[in-house]
Amino acid sequence: MQKRISFYDVDWDRRKAVGGVCLSFDDRSQVDLRPVSAEELALLATVLRNEKPVYYDEETDSLSTRQALVGE
């Protein structure tokens, strides 16, 4: 089930060369996406920063800029 992302935090550990993204949703629940590579972190941060609204589906582990249609 998709949830609309309200807030996000991005972090990068230069020594370990690994990062993460913590997503917060309208219902105040959270999901922590880590570890992520530098390339994935850059892509996730770009989508989260530039697109509104953004949705996350925990079942498929996917980000989307549009809400899924009923029955998809």
C-alpha atoms as a PDB file:
ATOM      1  CA  MET A   1       0.000   0.000   0.000  1.00  0.00           C
ATOM      2  CA  GLN A   2       1.348   3.409  -0.957  1.00  0.00           C
ATOM      3  CA  LYS A   3       1.903   6.090   1.647  1.00  0.00           C
ATOM      4  CA  ARG A   4       2.509   9.758   0.915  1.00  0.00           C
ATOM      5  CA  ILE A   5       5.912  10.957   2.129  1.00  0.00           C
ATOM      6  CA  SER A   6       5.702  14.016   4.376  1.00  0.00           C
ATOM      7  CA  PHE A   7       9.348  14.432   5.393  1.00  0.00           C
ATOM      8  CA  TYR A   8      12.678  12.761   4.744  1.00  0.00           C
ATOM      9  CA  ASP A   9      16.199  12.738   6.166  1.00  0.00           C
ATOM     10  CA  VAL A  10      19.301  11.868   4.157  1.00  0.00           C
ATOM     11  CA  ASP A  11      22.661  10.828   5.594  1.00  0.00           C
ATOM     12  CA  TRP A  12      25.997   9.713   4.164  1.00  0.00           C
ATOM     13  CA  ASP A  13      28.935   8.122   5.997  1.00  0.00           C
ATOM     14  CA  ARG A  14      32.066   9.029   4.016  1.00  0.00           C
ATOM     15  CA  ARG A  15      34.295   6.582   5.873  1.00  0.00           C
ATOM     16  CA  LYS A  16      32.047   3.602   5.153  1.00  0.00           C
ATOM     17  CA  ALA A  17      30.850   4.942   1.773  1.00  0.00           C
ATOM     18  CA  VAL A  18      27.245   4.108   2.626  1.00  0.00           C
ATOM     19  CA  GLY A  19      24.164   6.208   3.159  1.00  0.00           C
ATOM     20  CA  GLY A  20      20.531   6.083   4.083  1.00  0.00           C
ATOM     21  CA  VAL A  21      17.199   7.786   3.733  1.00  0.00           C
ATOM     22  CA  CYS A  22      14.565   7.880   6.458  1.00  0.00           C
ATOM     23  CA  LEU A  23      11.043   8.510   5.173  1.00  0.00           C
ATOM     24  CA  SER A  24       8.242   9.891   7.363  1.00  0.00           C
ATOM     25  CA  PHE A  25       4.623   9.588   6.292  1.00  0.00           C
ATOM     26  CA  ASP A  26       1.382  11.482   6.882  1.00  0.00           C
ATOM     27  CA  ASP A  27       0.352   8.911   9.520  1.00  0.00           C
ATOM     28  CA  ARG A  28       3.642   9.609  11.389  1.00  0.00           C
ATOM     29  CA  SER A  29       5.060   6.152  10.659  1.00  0.00           C
ATOM     30  CA  GLN A  30       8.598   5.875   9.301  1.00  0.00           C
ATOM     31  CA  VAL A  31      10.726   3.578   7.191  1.00  0.00           C
ATOM     32  CA  ASP A  32      14.528   3.543   7.044  1.00  0.00           C
ATOM     33  CA  LEU A  33      16.076   2.797   3.649  1.00  0.00           C
ATOM     34  CA  ARG A  34      19.641   1.683   4.163  1.00  0.00           C
ATOM     35  CA  PRO A  35      22.180   0.861   3.121  1.00  0.00           C
ATOM     36  CA  VAL A  36      22.164   2.717  -0.177  1.00  0.00           C
ATOM     37  CA  SER A  37      25.014   3.427  -2.553  1.00  0.00           C
ATOM     38  CA  ALA A  38      26.099   6.940  -3.515  1.00  0.00           C
ATOM     39  CA  GLU A  39      24.305   6.616  -6.853  1.00  0.00           C
ATOM     40  CA  GLU A  40      21.042   5.452  -5.285  1.00  0.00           C
ATOM     41  CA  LEU A  41      21.246   8.118  -2.588  1.00  0.00           C
ATOM     42  CA  ALA A  42      21.678  10.836  -5.217  1.00  0.00           C
ATOM     43  CA  LEU A  43      18.700   9.545  -7.203  1.00  0.00           C
ATOM     44  CA  LEU A  44      16.440   9.221  -4.143  1.00  0.00           C
ATOM     45  CA  ALA A  45      17.388  12.689  -2.880  1.00  0.00           C
ATOM     46  CA  THR A  46      16.714  14.227  -6.306  1.00  0.00           C
ATOM     47  CA  VAL A  47      13.255  12.654  -6.567  1.00  0.00           C
ATOM     48  CA  LEU A  48      12.341  13.573  -2.985  1.00  0.00           C
ATOM     49  CA  ARG A  49      13.593  17.141  -3.387  1.00  0.00           C
ATOM     50  CA  ASN A  50      12.157  17.921  -6.825  1.00  0.00           C
ATOM     51  CA  GLU A  51       8.889  16.002  -7.060  1.00  0.00           C
ATOM     52  CA  LYS A  52       5.761  16.553  -4.981  1.00  0.00           C
ATOM     53  CA  PRO A  53       3.950  14.517  -3.876  1.00  0.00           C
ATOM     54  CA  VAL A  54       6.044  11.366  -3.643  1.00  0.00           C
ATOM     55  CA  TYR A  55       4.655   8.021  -2.483  1.00  0.00           C
ATOM     56  CA  TYR A  56       6.414   4.954  -1.071  1.00  0.00           C
ATOM     57  CA  ASP A  57       5.120   1.393  -1.235  1.00  0.00           C
ATOM     58  CA  GLU A  58       6.727  -0.837   1.384  1.00  0.00           C
ATOM     59  CA  GLU A  59       5.429  -4.040  -0.240  1.00  0.00           C
ATOM     60  CA  THR A  60       7.196  -3.324  -3.537  1.00  0.00           C
ATOM     61  CA  ASP A  61       9.950  -1.109  -2.015  1.00  0.00           C
ATOM     62  CA  SER A  62       9.263   1.555  -4.637  1.00  0.00           C
ATOM     63  CA  LEU A  63       8.958   5.330  -4.891  1.00  0.00           C
ATOM     64  CA  SER A  64       6.372   6.889  -7.189  1.00  0.00           C
ATOM     65  CA  THR A  65       5.335  10.399  -8.121  1.00  0.00           C
ATOM     66  CA  ARG A  66       1.757   9.324  -8.692  1.00  0.00           C
ATOM     67  CA  GLN A  67      -0.718   7.527  -6.535  1.00  0.00           C
ATOM     68  CA  ALA A  68      -1.561   3.988  -7.652  1.00  0.00           C
ATOM     69  CA  LEU A  69      -4.934   3.504  -9.229  1.00  0.00           C
ATOM     70  CA  VAL A  70      -7.412   1.244  -7.445  1.00  0.00           C
ATOM     71  CA  GLY A  71      -6.766  -2.314  -8.554  1.00  0.00           C
ATOM     72  CA  GLU A  72      -3.185  -1.794  -9.729  1.00  0.00           C
END
